[in-house]
Amino acid sequence: MKPRDRIAPMIDQARRLARRATDDDLPIDAERIERDMILLAFIITSTGQTKLAPLLDRLERELAEYRLERDPLSRAQRILRDLREPRR
């Protein structure tokens, strides 16, 4: 049995677990990033594919950055920081 055939049912189950619409229908927001993290975590734990860990790391960073960008104080600080930095 091919590896793809072995994990296909698990991927289908993960997609149902994440309850997501097509990517094109969803805006990028914290909820979507969290659903993608759930799906990826399920795939990693179900298949043991630790090579996918960098993707999970990236999603965690993206979620932290998204939340930081929604904080008014952080946005104001970024605006002032951008004004001080020379334009290239």
Protein backbone atom coordinates (compact mmCIF):
# COMPACT_ATOMS: atom_id res chain seq x y z
CA MET A 1 0.00 0.00 0.00
CA LYS A 2 1.34 3.43 -0.93
CA PRO A 3 1.95 5.91 1.90
CA ARG A 4 -0.54 8.30 0.30
CA ASP A 5 -3.25 5.63 0.35
CA ARG A 6 -2.50 4.93 4.00
CA ILE A 7 -2.84 8.53 5.17
CA ALA A 8 -5.68 9.65 2.85
CA PRO A 9 -8.44 8.57 5.30
CA MET A 10 -6.65 10.38 8.12
CA ILE A 11 -6.43 13.56 6.06
CA ASP A 12 -10.14 13.34 5.30
CA GLN A 13 -10.86 12.93 8.99
CA ALA A 14 -8.63 15.90 9.84
CA ARG A 15 -10.44 18.05 7.31
CA ARG A 16 -13.78 17.16 8.88
CA LEU A 17 -12.31 17.88 12.31
CA ALA A 18 -11.16 21.31 11.21
CA ARG A 19 -14.60 22.02 9.68
CA ARG A 20 -13.34 24.40 7.10
CA ALA A 21 -14.66 25.80 3.89
CA THR A 22 -12.41 26.12 0.88
CA ASP A 23 -9.40 28.35 1.48
CA ASP A 24 -10.64 30.83 -1.11
CA ASP A 25 -13.84 31.40 0.87
CA LEU A 26 -12.14 32.25 4.15
CA PRO A 27 -10.33 35.42 5.15
CA ILE A 28 -6.97 35.04 6.85
CA ASP A 29 -7.76 35.47 10.53
CA ALA A 30 -6.85 33.90 13.86
CA GLU A 31 -9.60 31.30 13.56
CA ARG A 32 -8.38 30.11 10.15
CA ILE A 33 -4.77 29.90 11.32
CA GLU A 34 -5.89 27.90 14.37
CA ARG A 35 -7.89 25.50 12.18
CA ASP A 36 -4.86 25.01 9.96
CA MET A 37 -2.76 24.32 13.06
CA ILE A 38 -5.29 21.69 14.18
CA LEU A 39 -5.21 20.02 10.79
CA LEU A 40 -1.42 20.03 10.65
CA ALA A 41 -1.12 18.78 14.25
CA PHE A 42 -3.48 15.93 13.43
CA ILE A 43 -1.45 14.98 10.37
CA ILE A 44 1.83 15.12 12.28
CA THR A 45 0.57 13.01 15.18
CA SER A 46 -1.27 10.54 12.94
CA THR A 47 1.59 9.93 10.54
CA GLY A 48 4.61 10.71 12.67
CA GLN A 49 5.84 13.09 9.97
CA THR A 50 8.04 15.27 12.14
CA LYS A 51 9.44 16.84 8.97
CA LEU A 52 6.25 18.93 8.97
CA ALA A 53 7.18 20.54 12.29
CA PRO A 54 8.61 23.68 10.61
CA LEU A 55 5.19 24.32 9.10
CA LEU A 56 3.64 24.11 12.54
CA ASP A 57 6.30 26.51 13.83
CA ARG A 58 5.45 28.95 11.06
CA LEU A 59 1.72 28.79 11.77
CA GLU A 60 2.39 29.48 15.44
CA ARG A 61 4.50 32.53 14.48
CA GLU A 62 1.85 33.71 12.02
CA LEU A 63 -0.83 33.46 14.70
CA ALA A 64 1.26 35.42 17.20
CA GLU A 65 2.00 38.07 14.56
CA TYR A 66 -1.66 38.28 13.56
CA ARG A 67 -2.72 38.81 17.15
CA LEU A 68 0.01 41.39 17.70
CA GLU A 69 -1.09 43.33 14.62
CA ARG A 70 -4.64 43.50 15.99
CA ASP A 71 -3.51 45.12 19.22
CA PRO A 72 -3.94 48.94 18.89
CA LEU A 73 -0.85 49.73 20.94
CA SER A 74 1.33 47.43 18.84
CA ARG A 75 -0.02 48.96 15.64
CA ALA A 76 0.67 52.48 16.88
CA GLN A 77 4.21 51.52 17.87
CA ARG A 78 4.79 49.96 14.44
CA ILE A 79 3.58 53.13 12.71
CA LEU A 80 6.00 55.27 14.72
CA ARG A 81 8.84 52.79 14.20
CA ASP A 82 8.22 52.83 10.45
CA LEU A 83 8.41 56.63 10.43
CA ARG A 84 11.82 56.58 12.10
CA GLU A 85 13.32 54.01 9.75
CA PRO A 86 14.74 55.38 6.50
CA ARG A 87 12.90 54.37 3.36
CA ARG A 88 14.74 52.24 0.86
